[in-house]
Structures are given as structure tokens and as C-alpha cells.
Amino acid sequence: MKHEERKDFDKEAAQWDANPGRVKLAHDVADAIIREVSPTREIDALDFGCGTGLVTLRLQPLVRTITGMDSSEGMLAVLGSKVHGLVNMRTQFLDLEKGGKVEGRYHLIVSSMTLHHVPDPAGLIAQLSGALLPGGTLAVADLDSEDGSFHGDNTGVLHPGFDRARIRGLFEQAGFTAVREVTAAVVIKEIEKKGTREFPVFLLIGKK
């Protein structure tokens, strides 16, 4: 099911927020992060794979600073158009597949619906761990294992969701403690020839 060709997120950026289901999912994930992590104005946060900032901007009023990081310059341009006047918000381009490294030090790192596009989830989680300050928190949201129906077009989808136990293991392997999970959202979609399906989205949280 894997489609190794990269998805052209630059091409989709301008219309990304026009999908109400996508916006709702991002807000549900952000609300779950807020509920489970309780971010405060004393912390610096990173949203890895931020896209157009649907999660980033939900967290922005609650933290001291937040960086939106993504491998799509088109997505970052859309986010940049939203953040005029927000002095605690910045964007940063990073392409892991071209050797980029996650830099900076943060109290909180979040990532929503990005992991299934990453060739090496274990390597990414280890990198994010390295960018966290002692006592920091990582919160990663993605799909539970599914049969490839969720996206329709699976270009760039390298993993058909994840078994939660696997991601928990990657967290623990990277040195995280007090790892826990919640269901952040359930996406309901009408799938051609398969009827209505529910796709749970987990949120895995760990402390460094």
C-alpha cells in the first residue's frame, strides 16, 4: 500500500483549509493536547509538520513561543499569512529527507498527522526527544492502523496508520517515561464501496 512518491503539499497548500473535516480533526487534536498537557505561558513549543498551522494557532495563545516547522514551503507561506502581528509565533522550513535536523530546545513538541508520511518514525521520535528540554513533553497524534482507505489517494503515505503499542515502544526506546495514550478524535468518512467508516486518531504523550 505504500506510495513512496512524495506528496506535493506545496500544490495543495492554498486549498488545504477548505476541507472542513480536516479543520475539525486538527482542532480536535489540538483540544486533546490542551486537555492532556495543559500548556502554559511559561513554555516554548514546537509543532512539527505544522502544515497551515491549524494546530499551531490553537496552541499559540497558551504558550510563551511556538514554532511551526514543516517541509512544505507552500504550507508555511499559508501559515505565515495568518500570523502577522503574533510576536510569539515563527515558522521554520525543515526537510528531514534532505538531511535536515530538528534544532532548538523546547518544553513541548507536538506533531499531528505527520508520522505516517515519515520514512523512519523511530528516528524522528529520537530527534524530537533530542530537541526537548529535560522534563519536556512530546505529544504525537496519528491514525490507528487502517487498510489504506482513509486518504483515498495514498501518494506519500508510508504507513497505513500505526499500532499504538508500536509507537509507545518507540517513545520508550527514545527515553520517554510516563507514556500514555488517549483517543484524540474519531474521523467518520464515507468510503466508496465500503460504506461509512470510523477512523480513530490516537494521541501518544511522553515525558522526557
N, C-alpha and C. Protein backbone atom coordinates (compact mmCIF):
# COMPACT_ATOMS: atom_id res chain seq x y z
N MET A 1 0.83 -1.20 0.00
CA MET A 1 0.00 0.00 0.00
C MET A 1 0.87 1.25 0.00
N LYS A 2 2.13 1.14 0.36
CA LYS A 2 2.97 2.31 0.49
C LYS A 2 3.19 2.98 -0.86
N HIS A 3 3.07 4.30 -0.87
CA HIS A 3 3.34 5.07 -2.05
C HIS A 3 4.57 5.93 -1.76
N GLU A 4 5.73 5.51 -2.31
CA GLU A 4 6.99 6.15 -1.96
C GLU A 4 7.10 7.56 -2.53
N GLU A 5 6.37 7.87 -3.61
CA GLU A 5 6.41 9.21 -4.18
C GLU A 5 5.94 10.23 -3.14
N ARG A 6 6.67 11.33 -3.03
CA ARG A 6 6.30 12.35 -2.07
C ARG A 6 5.05 13.09 -2.51
N LYS A 7 4.22 13.41 -1.57
CA LYS A 7 3.02 14.19 -1.86
C LYS A 7 3.41 15.65 -2.05
N ASP A 8 2.81 16.30 -3.02
CA ASP A 8 3.12 17.71 -3.30
C ASP A 8 2.24 18.60 -2.43
N PHE A 9 2.69 18.80 -1.19
CA PHE A 9 1.91 19.63 -0.27
C PHE A 9 1.93 21.10 -0.69
N ASP A 10 2.99 21.54 -1.39
CA ASP A 10 3.01 22.92 -1.88
C ASP A 10 1.82 23.18 -2.79
N LYS A 11 1.52 22.20 -3.65
CA LYS A 11 0.43 22.35 -4.60
C LYS A 11 -0.93 22.42 -3.90
N GLU A 12 -1.05 21.73 -2.77
CA GLU A 12 -2.33 21.66 -2.07
C GLU A 12 -2.52 22.74 -1.02
N ALA A 13 -1.46 23.49 -0.74
CA ALA A 13 -1.46 24.38 0.41
C ALA A 13 -2.59 25.42 0.37
N ALA A 14 -2.81 26.05 -0.79
CA ALA A 14 -3.76 27.15 -0.87
C ALA A 14 -5.18 26.71 -0.51
N GLN A 15 -5.53 25.46 -0.81
CA GLN A 15 -6.88 24.96 -0.54
C GLN A 15 -6.95 24.02 0.66
N TRP A 16 -5.86 23.88 1.39
CA TRP A 16 -5.80 22.91 2.48
C TRP A 16 -6.89 23.14 3.53
N ASP A 17 -7.08 24.38 3.91
CA ASP A 17 -8.03 24.69 4.98
C ASP A 17 -9.48 24.69 4.51
N ALA A 18 -9.70 24.46 3.21
CA ALA A 18 -11.07 24.47 2.68
C ALA A 18 -11.82 23.18 3.00
N ASN A 19 -11.12 22.18 3.51
CA ASN A 19 -11.73 20.89 3.85
C ASN A 19 -12.19 20.94 5.30
N PRO A 20 -13.50 21.02 5.56
CA PRO A 20 -13.98 21.18 6.93
C PRO A 20 -13.65 19.99 7.83
N GLY A 21 -13.61 18.78 7.26
CA GLY A 21 -13.25 17.61 8.05
C GLY A 21 -11.81 17.69 8.53
N ARG A 22 -10.93 18.18 7.66
CA ARG A 22 -9.52 18.33 8.02
C ARG A 22 -9.35 19.36 9.15
N VAL A 23 -10.09 20.46 9.03
CA VAL A 23 -10.02 21.51 10.05
C VAL A 23 -10.54 20.98 11.38
N LYS A 24 -11.64 20.25 11.34
CA LYS A 24 -12.20 19.71 12.58
C LYS A 24 -11.24 18.74 13.25
N LEU A 25 -10.60 17.88 12.45
CA LEU A 25 -9.65 16.93 13.02
C LEU A 25 -8.50 17.66 13.70
N ALA A 26 -7.95 18.67 13.05
CA ALA A 26 -6.85 19.43 13.64
C ALA A 26 -7.27 20.08 14.95
N HIS A 27 -8.46 20.64 14.97
CA HIS A 27 -8.94 21.29 16.19
C HIS A 27 -9.20 20.26 17.29
N ASP A 28 -9.72 19.10 16.92
CA ASP A 28 -9.93 18.04 17.91
C ASP A 28 -8.60 17.60 18.52
N VAL A 29 -7.59 17.44 17.67
CA VAL A 29 -6.27 17.05 18.17
C VAL A 29 -5.70 18.14 19.08
N ALA A 30 -5.79 19.39 18.62
CA ALA A 30 -5.27 20.48 19.44
C ALA A 30 -5.98 20.54 20.78
N ASP A 31 -7.28 20.36 20.77
CA ASP A 31 -8.04 20.41 22.03
C ASP A 31 -7.64 19.26 22.95
N ALA A 32 -7.35 18.08 22.37
CA ALA A 32 -6.88 16.96 23.18
C ALA A 32 -5.52 17.26 23.79
N ILE A 33 -4.64 17.88 23.01
CA ILE A 33 -3.33 18.26 23.54
C ILE A 33 -3.49 19.24 24.69
N ILE A 34 -4.32 20.24 24.50
CA ILE A 34 -4.55 21.24 25.55
C ILE A 34 -5.10 20.58 26.81
N ARG A 35 -6.03 19.68 26.62
CA ARG A 35 -6.67 18.99 27.75
C ARG A 35 -5.68 18.09 28.49
N GLU A 36 -4.84 17.39 27.75
CA GLU A 36 -3.96 16.39 28.34
C GLU A 36 -2.63 16.95 28.83
N VAL A 37 -2.16 18.02 28.21
CA VAL A 37 -0.83 18.55 28.52
C VAL A 37 -0.88 19.84 29.34
N SER A 38 -1.96 20.60 29.20
CA SER A 38 -2.13 21.87 29.93
C SER A 38 -0.97 22.83 29.69
N PRO A 39 -0.74 23.25 28.42
CA PRO A 39 0.35 24.19 28.14
C PRO A 39 0.15 25.52 28.86
N THR A 40 1.28 26.16 29.20
CA THR A 40 1.23 27.42 29.94
C THR A 40 2.07 28.48 29.24
N ARG A 41 1.93 29.71 29.69
CA ARG A 41 2.66 30.83 29.10
C ARG A 41 4.14 30.81 29.46
N GLU A 42 4.58 29.84 30.22
CA GLU A 42 5.99 29.74 30.59
C GLU A 42 6.77 28.80 29.66
N ILE A 43 6.12 28.22 28.66
CA ILE A 43 6.81 27.21 27.85
C ILE A 43 6.98 27.65 26.39
N ASP A 44 8.03 27.08 25.79
CA ASP A 44 8.30 27.26 24.37
C ASP A 44 7.93 25.95 23.66
N ALA A 45 7.16 26.06 22.59
CA ALA A 45 6.60 24.87 21.93
C ALA A 45 7.02 24.81 20.47
N LEU A 46 7.00 23.59 19.94
CA LEU A 46 7.26 23.32 18.53
C LEU A 46 6.13 22.45 17.99
N ASP A 47 5.59 22.84 16.84
CA ASP A 47 4.63 22.00 16.12
C ASP A 47 5.36 21.47 14.88
N PHE A 48 5.74 20.18 14.94
CA PHE A 48 6.49 19.57 13.84
C PHE A 48 5.51 19.02 12.80
N GLY A 49 5.71 19.43 11.54
CA GLY A 49 4.75 19.05 10.50
C GLY A 49 3.50 19.89 10.61
N CYS A 50 3.69 21.18 10.80
CA CYS A 50 2.59 22.08 11.18
C CYS A 50 1.61 22.34 10.06
N GLY A 51 2.02 22.14 8.79
CA GLY A 51 1.12 22.46 7.69
C GLY A 51 0.74 23.92 7.69
N THR A 52 -0.54 24.20 7.57
CA THR A 52 -1.04 25.58 7.54
C THR A 52 -1.30 26.13 8.94
N GLY A 53 -0.90 25.39 9.96
CA GLY A 53 -0.98 25.92 11.32
C GLY A 53 -2.29 25.72 12.04
N LEU A 54 -3.08 24.75 11.61
CA LEU A 54 -4.39 24.56 12.25
C LEU A 54 -4.25 24.16 13.72
N VAL A 55 -3.24 23.35 14.03
CA VAL A 55 -2.97 23.01 15.43
C VAL A 55 -2.13 24.11 16.07
N THR A 56 -1.13 24.61 15.35
CA THR A 56 -0.21 25.62 15.87
C THR A 56 -0.96 26.82 16.44
N LEU A 57 -1.90 27.34 15.66
CA LEU A 57 -2.58 28.57 16.06
C LEU A 57 -3.58 28.33 17.19
N ARG A 58 -3.98 27.09 17.38
CA ARG A 58 -4.83 26.76 18.52
C ARG A 58 -4.01 26.82 19.82
N LEU A 59 -2.73 26.46 19.71
CA LEU A 59 -1.87 26.45 20.89
C LEU A 59 -1.22 27.82 21.14
N GLN A 60 -1.07 28.61 20.10
CA GLN A 60 -0.29 29.86 20.18
C GLN A 60 -0.68 30.79 21.34
N PRO A 61 -1.97 31.01 21.63
CA PRO A 61 -2.29 31.94 22.71
C PRO A 61 -1.94 31.41 24.11
N LEU A 62 -1.64 30.11 24.20
CA LEU A 62 -1.49 29.48 25.50
C LEU A 62 -0.04 29.32 25.93
N VAL A 63 0.92 29.59 25.02
CA VAL A 63 2.33 29.33 25.30
C VAL A 63 3.14 30.61 25.15
N ARG A 64 4.39 30.57 25.63
CA ARG A 64 5.27 31.75 25.51
C ARG A 64 5.67 31.97 24.06
N THR A 65 6.18 30.90 23.42
CA THR A 65 6.50 30.96 22.00
C THR A 65 6.12 29.63 21.35
N ILE A 66 5.86 29.69 20.06
CA ILE A 66 5.62 28.45 19.32
C ILE A 66 6.22 28.58 17.93
N THR A 67 6.89 27.52 17.50
CA THR A 67 7.48 27.45 16.17
C THR A 67 6.71 26.44 15.34
N GLY A 68 6.29 26.85 14.17
CA GLY A 68 5.66 25.94 13.22
C GLY A 68 6.70 25.46 12.22
N MET A 69 6.99 24.17 12.20
CA MET A 69 8.05 23.60 11.36
C MET A 69 7.45 22.64 10.35
N ASP A 70 7.87 22.77 9.08
CA ASP A 70 7.31 21.92 8.05
C ASP A 70 8.28 21.81 6.88
N SER A 71 8.10 20.75 6.07
CA SER A 71 8.93 20.53 4.89
C SER A 71 8.31 21.12 3.63
N SER A 72 7.14 21.77 3.77
CA SER A 72 6.47 22.37 2.62
C SER A 72 6.52 23.89 2.75
N GLU A 73 7.23 24.53 1.83
CA GLU A 73 7.29 25.99 1.85
C GLU A 73 5.93 26.60 1.54
N GLY A 74 5.13 25.89 0.72
CA GLY A 74 3.78 26.38 0.42
C GLY A 74 2.90 26.41 1.66
N MET A 75 2.96 25.34 2.45
CA MET A 75 2.19 25.30 3.69
C MET A 75 2.64 26.40 4.64
N LEU A 76 3.96 26.58 4.76
CA LEU A 76 4.48 27.61 5.65
C LEU A 76 4.09 29.01 5.18
N ALA A 77 3.99 29.21 3.87
CA ALA A 77 3.57 30.51 3.35
C ALA A 77 2.13 30.81 3.76
N VAL A 78 1.27 29.79 3.70
CA VAL A 78 -0.12 29.98 4.15
C VAL A 78 -0.15 30.31 5.63
N LEU A 79 0.61 29.56 6.43
CA LEU A 79 0.66 29.85 7.86
C LEU A 79 1.21 31.26 8.09
N GLY A 80 2.26 31.63 7.36
CA GLY A 80 2.84 32.96 7.54
C GLY A 80 1.84 34.07 7.28
N SER A 81 0.91 33.83 6.34
CA SER A 81 -0.10 34.85 6.03
C SER A 81 -1.10 35.03 7.16
N LYS A 82 -1.13 34.06 8.08
CA LYS A 82 -2.09 34.12 9.19
C LYS A 82 -1.51 34.77 10.45
N VAL A 83 -0.19 34.92 10.51
CA VAL A 83 0.43 35.22 11.81
C VAL A 83 0.95 36.64 11.93
N HIS A 84 0.56 37.53 11.04
CA HIS A 84 1.00 38.91 11.14
C HIS A 84 0.61 39.48 12.50
N GLY A 85 1.59 40.03 13.20
CA GLY A 85 1.31 40.65 14.50
C GLY A 85 1.44 39.70 15.67
N LEU A 86 1.63 38.41 15.43
CA LEU A 86 1.80 37.45 16.53
C LEU A 86 3.28 37.35 16.86
N VAL A 87 3.70 38.06 17.89
CA VAL A 87 5.13 38.17 18.17
C VAL A 87 5.72 36.89 18.76
N ASN A 88 4.86 35.98 19.24
CA ASN A 88 5.38 34.75 19.86
C ASN A 88 5.33 33.56 18.91
N MET A 89 5.17 33.83 17.63
CA MET A 89 4.99 32.75 16.64
C MET A 89 5.99 32.93 15.51
N ARG A 90 6.65 31.82 15.10
CA ARG A 90 7.53 31.88 13.93
C ARG A 90 7.40 30.58 13.15
N THR A 91 7.83 30.62 11.90
CA THR A 91 7.82 29.43 11.05
C THR A 91 9.25 29.05 10.70
N GLN A 92 9.45 27.75 10.42
CA GLN A 92 10.78 27.26 10.08
C GLN A 92 10.66 26.11 9.09
N PHE A 93 11.40 26.19 7.99
CA PHE A 93 11.42 25.13 6.99
C PHE A 93 12.43 24.06 7.41
N LEU A 94 12.03 22.81 7.30
CA LEU A 94 12.94 21.69 7.58
C LEU A 94 12.52 20.49 6.75
N ASP A 95 13.46 19.92 6.02
CA ASP A 95 13.20 18.72 5.22
C ASP A 95 14.10 17.60 5.73
N LEU A 96 13.54 16.68 6.50
CA LEU A 96 14.32 15.57 7.06
C LEU A 96 14.92 14.70 5.96
N GLU A 97 14.18 14.53 4.88
CA GLU A 97 14.63 13.61 3.83
C GLU A 97 15.81 14.18 3.03
N LYS A 98 16.11 15.46 3.24
CA LYS A 98 17.28 16.07 2.60
C LYS A 98 18.36 16.38 3.64
N GLY A 99 18.29 15.67 4.77
CA GLY A 99 19.33 15.79 5.78
C GLY A 99 19.11 16.83 6.84
N GLY A 100 17.95 17.47 6.84
CA GLY A 100 17.66 18.47 7.86
C GLY A 100 17.56 17.85 9.24
N LYS A 101 17.91 18.62 10.25
CA LYS A 101 17.85 18.17 11.64
C LYS A 101 16.98 19.12 12.45
N VAL A 102 16.24 18.56 13.37
CA VAL A 102 15.41 19.36 14.26
C VAL A 102 16.34 20.06 15.26
N GLU A 103 16.35 21.39 15.22
CA GLU A 103 17.20 22.16 16.11
C GLU A 103 16.35 22.99 17.05
N GLY A 104 17.00 23.56 18.08
CA GLY A 104 16.29 24.33 19.09
C GLY A 104 16.01 23.48 20.31
N ARG A 105 15.50 24.12 21.35
CA ARG A 105 15.18 23.42 22.60
C ARG A 105 13.80 23.87 23.05
N TYR A 106 12.97 22.91 23.35
CA TYR A 106 11.57 23.20 23.61
C TYR A 106 11.09 22.48 24.86
N HIS A 107 10.06 23.05 25.48
CA HIS A 107 9.40 22.39 26.61
C HIS A 107 8.32 21.42 26.12
N LEU A 108 7.74 21.73 24.96
CA LEU A 108 6.65 20.93 24.41
C LEU A 108 6.83 20.81 22.91
N ILE A 109 6.78 19.58 22.40
CA ILE A 109 6.77 19.34 20.96
C ILE A 109 5.51 18.54 20.62
N VAL A 110 4.78 19.02 19.63
CA VAL A 110 3.58 18.32 19.18
C VAL A 110 3.73 18.00 17.70
N SER A 111 3.03 16.97 17.26
CA SER A 111 3.02 16.62 15.85
C SER A 111 1.72 15.90 15.55
N SER A 112 1.00 16.39 14.57
CA SER A 112 -0.32 15.83 14.26
C SER A 112 -0.40 15.37 12.82
N MET A 113 -0.71 14.11 12.61
CA MET A 113 -0.97 13.52 11.29
C MET A 113 0.23 13.71 10.36
N THR A 114 1.42 13.62 10.92
CA THR A 114 2.65 13.75 10.15
C THR A 114 3.43 12.45 10.11
N LEU A 115 3.36 11.67 11.16
CA LEU A 115 4.21 10.49 11.31
C LEU A 115 4.03 9.50 10.16
N HIS A 116 2.81 9.38 9.63
CA HIS A 116 2.59 8.39 8.56
C HIS A 116 3.24 8.80 7.24
N HIS A 117 3.76 10.03 7.15
CA HIS A 117 4.50 10.47 5.97
C HIS A 117 6.01 10.34 6.15
N VAL A 118 6.46 9.91 7.32
CA VAL A 118 7.88 9.91 7.67
C VAL A 118 8.47 8.51 7.44
N PRO A 119 9.55 8.41 6.66
CA PRO A 119 10.12 7.08 6.39
C PRO A 119 10.60 6.36 7.64
N ASP A 120 11.13 7.09 8.61
CA ASP A 120 11.74 6.48 9.79
C ASP A 120 11.12 7.07 11.06
N PRO A 121 9.97 6.56 11.48
CA PRO A 121 9.33 7.11 12.68
C PRO A 121 10.22 7.05 13.93
N ALA A 122 10.97 5.95 14.09
CA ALA A 122 11.84 5.83 15.26
C ALA A 122 12.89 6.92 15.26
N GLY A 123 13.47 7.17 14.11
CA GLY A 123 14.48 8.22 14.01
C GLY A 123 13.92 9.59 14.30
N LEU A 124 12.71 9.85 13.82
CA LEU A 124 12.09 11.16 14.09
C LEU A 124 11.82 11.33 15.57
N ILE A 125 11.24 10.32 16.21
CA ILE A 125 10.93 10.43 17.63
C ILE A 125 12.21 10.65 18.44
N ALA A 126 13.29 9.98 18.05
CA ALA A 126 14.57 10.20 18.72
C ALA A 126 15.05 11.63 18.52
N GLN A 127 14.90 12.16 17.31
CA GLN A 127 15.29 13.56 17.05
C GLN A 127 14.46 14.53 17.89
N LEU A 128 13.18 14.30 17.95
CA LEU A 128 12.31 15.19 18.72
C LEU A 128 12.66 15.12 20.20
N SER A 129 13.01 13.93 20.67
CA SER A 129 13.46 13.79 22.05
C SER A 129 14.69 14.66 22.31
N GLY A 130 15.61 14.66 21.34
CA GLY A 130 16.83 15.43 21.49
C GLY A 130 16.60 16.93 21.51
N ALA A 131 15.46 17.38 20.96
CA ALA A 131 15.14 18.81 20.95
C ALA A 131 14.33 19.24 22.17
N LEU A 132 13.99 18.30 23.03
CA LEU A 132 13.22 18.64 24.23
C LEU A 132 14.14 18.97 25.39
N LEU A 133 13.74 19.95 26.16
CA LEU A 133 14.42 20.25 27.41
C LEU A 133 14.11 19.16 28.43
N PRO A 134 14.96 18.96 29.43
CA PRO A 134 14.65 17.99 30.49
C PRO A 134 13.28 18.27 31.10
N GLY A 135 12.50 17.21 31.24
CA GLY A 135 11.14 17.38 31.76
C GLY A 135 10.12 17.76 30.71
N GLY A 136 10.58 17.91 29.46
CA GLY A 136 9.67 18.30 28.39
C GLY A 136 8.73 17.19 27.97
N THR A 137 7.76 17.55 27.16
CA THR A 137 6.69 16.64 26.75
C THR A 137 6.62 16.54 25.23
N LEU A 138 6.47 15.31 24.75
CA LEU A 138 6.20 15.05 23.34
C LEU A 138 4.78 14.51 23.22
N ALA A 139 4.01 15.08 22.29
CA ALA A 139 2.64 14.62 22.04
C ALA A 139 2.47 14.42 20.54
N VAL A 140 2.24 13.18 20.14
CA VAL A 140 2.15 12.81 18.72
C VAL A 140 0.77 12.21 18.45
N ALA A 141 0.10 12.76 17.45
CA ALA A 141 -1.22 12.25 17.05
C ALA A 141 -1.13 11.66 15.64
N ASP A 142 -1.75 10.51 15.46
CA ASP A 142 -1.83 9.91 14.13
C ASP A 142 -2.92 8.85 14.12
N LEU A 143 -3.10 8.26 12.95
CA LEU A 143 -4.16 7.26 12.77
C LEU A 143 -3.81 5.94 13.42
N ASP A 144 -4.81 5.30 13.99
CA ASP A 144 -4.68 3.89 14.31
C ASP A 144 -4.51 3.10 13.00
N SER A 145 -3.97 1.89 13.11
CA SER A 145 -3.77 1.06 11.93
C SER A 145 -5.06 0.95 11.12
N GLU A 146 -4.95 1.11 9.80
CA GLU A 146 -6.12 1.00 8.92
C GLU A 146 -5.69 0.37 7.61
N ASP A 147 -6.63 0.18 6.69
CA ASP A 147 -6.35 -0.58 5.48
C ASP A 147 -6.00 0.27 4.27
N GLY A 148 -5.71 1.54 4.51
CA GLY A 148 -5.37 2.44 3.41
C GLY A 148 -6.55 3.20 2.84
N SER A 149 -7.72 3.05 3.46
CA SER A 149 -8.91 3.71 2.95
C SER A 149 -9.00 5.19 3.33
N PHE A 150 -8.31 5.57 4.39
CA PHE A 150 -8.52 6.90 4.97
C PHE A 150 -8.24 8.01 3.98
N HIS A 151 -7.09 7.95 3.30
CA HIS A 151 -6.69 9.07 2.46
C HIS A 151 -7.30 9.05 1.06
N GLY A 152 -7.70 7.89 0.58
CA GLY A 152 -8.15 7.81 -0.81
C GLY A 152 -6.95 7.78 -1.74
N ASP A 153 -6.30 8.92 -1.90
CA ASP A 153 -5.04 8.98 -2.63
C ASP A 153 -3.91 8.78 -1.63
N ASN A 154 -3.21 7.67 -1.73
CA ASN A 154 -2.18 7.33 -0.76
C ASN A 154 -0.77 7.75 -1.18
N THR A 155 -0.69 8.66 -2.14
CA THR A 155 0.62 9.19 -2.51
C THR A 155 1.29 9.81 -1.28
N GLY A 156 2.49 9.36 -0.99
CA GLY A 156 3.22 9.91 0.15
C GLY A 156 2.87 9.31 1.49
N VAL A 157 1.89 8.42 1.51
CA VAL A 157 1.51 7.75 2.76
C VAL A 157 2.40 6.52 2.91
N LEU A 158 3.33 6.56 3.84
CA LEU A 158 4.30 5.49 4.00
C LEU A 158 3.88 4.44 5.02
N HIS A 159 2.88 4.78 5.84
CA HIS A 159 2.41 3.86 6.87
C HIS A 159 0.89 3.96 6.94
N PRO A 160 0.16 2.84 6.85
CA PRO A 160 -1.30 2.86 6.94
C PRO A 160 -1.75 2.93 8.40
N GLY A 161 -1.46 4.03 9.04
CA GLY A 161 -1.72 4.14 10.47
C GLY A 161 -0.69 3.34 11.26
N PHE A 162 -0.89 3.30 12.57
CA PHE A 162 0.07 2.66 13.46
C PHE A 162 -0.64 1.90 14.57
N ASP A 163 -0.03 0.81 14.97
CA ASP A 163 -0.42 0.15 16.20
C ASP A 163 0.07 1.00 17.37
N ARG A 164 -0.81 1.32 18.30
CA ARG A 164 -0.43 2.22 19.39
C ARG A 164 0.71 1.65 20.22
N ALA A 165 0.72 0.34 20.40
CA ALA A 165 1.79 -0.29 21.19
C ALA A 165 3.15 -0.08 20.52
N ARG A 166 3.16 -0.06 19.19
CA ARG A 166 4.42 0.16 18.48
C ARG A 166 4.95 1.56 18.76
N ILE A 167 4.09 2.57 18.69
CA ILE A 167 4.53 3.94 18.91
C ILE A 167 4.91 4.15 20.37
N ARG A 168 4.15 3.53 21.26
CA ARG A 168 4.54 3.57 22.68
C ARG A 168 5.95 3.02 22.86
N GLY A 169 6.25 1.92 22.18
CA GLY A 169 7.57 1.33 22.26
C GLY A 169 8.65 2.25 21.73
N LEU A 170 8.35 2.98 20.65
CA LEU A 170 9.32 3.93 20.11
C LEU A 170 9.56 5.09 21.07
N PHE A 171 8.53 5.52 21.75
CA PHE A 171 8.68 6.55 22.78
C PHE A 171 9.61 6.05 23.88
N GLU A 172 9.34 4.86 24.36
CA GLU A 172 10.13 4.31 25.46
C GLU A 172 11.58 4.08 25.02
N GLN A 173 11.75 3.63 23.78
CA GLN A 173 13.08 3.42 23.22
C GLN A 173 13.86 4.73 23.17
N ALA A 174 13.17 5.85 22.94
CA ALA A 174 13.81 7.17 22.87
C ALA A 174 14.00 7.80 24.24
N GLY A 175 13.63 7.07 25.31
CA GLY A 175 13.88 7.54 26.66
C GLY A 175 12.72 8.23 27.33
N PHE A 176 11.54 8.18 26.74
CA PHE A 176 10.39 8.83 27.36
C PHE A 176 9.82 7.97 28.48
N THR A 177 9.30 8.63 29.50
CA THR A 177 8.67 7.95 30.62
C THR A 177 7.23 8.42 30.74
N ALA A 178 6.49 7.74 31.62
CA ALA A 178 5.08 8.08 31.85
C ALA A 178 4.33 8.18 30.53
N VAL A 179 4.63 7.26 29.60
CA VAL A 179 3.99 7.30 28.29
C VAL A 179 2.53 6.86 28.42
N ARG A 180 1.66 7.64 27.83
CA ARG A 180 0.24 7.31 27.91
C ARG A 180 -0.43 7.66 26.59
N GLU A 181 -1.65 7.20 26.44
CA GLU A 181 -2.36 7.42 25.18
C GLU A 181 -3.82 7.74 25.45
N VAL A 182 -4.38 8.52 24.55
CA VAL A 182 -5.82 8.78 24.55
C VAL A 182 -6.27 8.77 23.09
N THR A 183 -7.56 8.64 22.89
CA THR A 183 -8.13 8.83 21.56
C THR A 183 -8.46 10.31 21.42
N ALA A 184 -7.76 10.97 20.50
CA ALA A 184 -7.93 12.42 20.35
C ALA A 184 -9.14 12.76 19.49
N ALA A 185 -9.48 11.87 18.56
CA ALA A 185 -10.59 12.15 17.63
C ALA A 185 -11.00 10.85 16.97
N VAL A 186 -12.20 10.86 16.43
CA VAL A 186 -12.67 9.77 15.57
C VAL A 186 -13.23 10.42 14.31
N VAL A 187 -12.58 10.12 13.19
CA VAL A 187 -13.00 10.69 11.90
C VAL A 187 -13.97 9.72 11.24
N ILE A 188 -15.13 10.23 10.84
CA ILE A 188 -16.13 9.42 10.15
C ILE A 188 -16.11 9.78 8.68
N LYS A 189 -15.87 8.77 7.84
CA LYS A 189 -15.79 9.00 6.40
C LYS A 189 -16.66 8.01 5.65
N GLU A 190 -17.18 8.48 4.54
CA GLU A 190 -17.88 7.60 3.61
C GLU A 190 -16.87 7.08 2.61
N ILE A 191 -16.64 5.77 2.62
CA ILE A 191 -15.63 5.16 1.77
C ILE A 191 -16.33 4.43 0.62
N GLU A 192 -15.92 4.73 -0.60
CA GLU A 192 -16.55 4.14 -1.77
C GLU A 192 -16.54 2.61 -1.69
N LYS A 193 -17.70 2.02 -1.86
CA LYS A 193 -17.92 0.56 -1.86
C LYS A 193 -17.74 -0.07 -0.48
N LYS A 194 -17.44 0.73 0.52
CA LYS A 194 -17.25 0.17 1.86
C LYS A 194 -18.17 0.80 2.90
N GLY A 195 -18.91 1.82 2.51
CA GLY A 195 -19.85 2.45 3.42
C GLY A 195 -19.16 3.40 4.40
N THR A 196 -19.86 3.74 5.45
CA THR A 196 -19.34 4.67 6.45
C THR A 196 -18.35 3.95 7.37
N ARG A 197 -17.19 4.59 7.57
CA ARG A 197 -16.16 4.01 8.42
C ARG A 197 -15.73 5.01 9.48
N GLU A 198 -15.33 4.48 10.63
CA GLU A 198 -14.75 5.31 11.68
C GLU A 198 -13.24 5.08 11.72
N PHE A 199 -12.49 6.16 11.80
CA PHE A 199 -11.03 6.10 11.86
C PHE A 199 -10.56 6.80 13.13
N PRO A 200 -10.22 6.04 14.16
CA PRO A 200 -9.72 6.67 15.39
C PRO A 200 -8.34 7.28 15.19
N VAL A 201 -8.11 8.39 15.86
CA VAL A 201 -6.82 9.07 15.87
C VAL A 201 -6.32 9.11 17.31
N PHE A 202 -5.14 8.53 17.53
CA PHE A 202 -4.59 8.48 18.89
C PHE A 202 -3.73 9.71 19.17
N LEU A 203 -3.53 9.96 20.45
CA LEU A 203 -2.54 10.94 20.92
C LEU A 203 -1.67 10.22 21.93
N LEU A 204 -0.37 10.07 21.59
CA LEU A 204 0.62 9.46 22.48
C LEU A 204 1.41 10.57 23.13
N ILE A 205 1.55 10.50 24.45
CA ILE A 205 2.20 11.56 25.22
C ILE A 205 3.30 10.93 26.07
N GLY A 206 4.47 11.54 26.08
CA GLY A 206 5.57 11.06 26.90
C GLY A 206 6.34 12.20 27.52
N LYS A 207 6.96 11.95 28.67
CA LYS A 207 7.79 12.94 29.36
C LYS A 207 9.25 12.57 29.20
N LYS A 208 10.08 13.56 28.95
CA LYS A 208 11.50 13.30 28.81
C LYS A 208 12.17 13.26 30.20
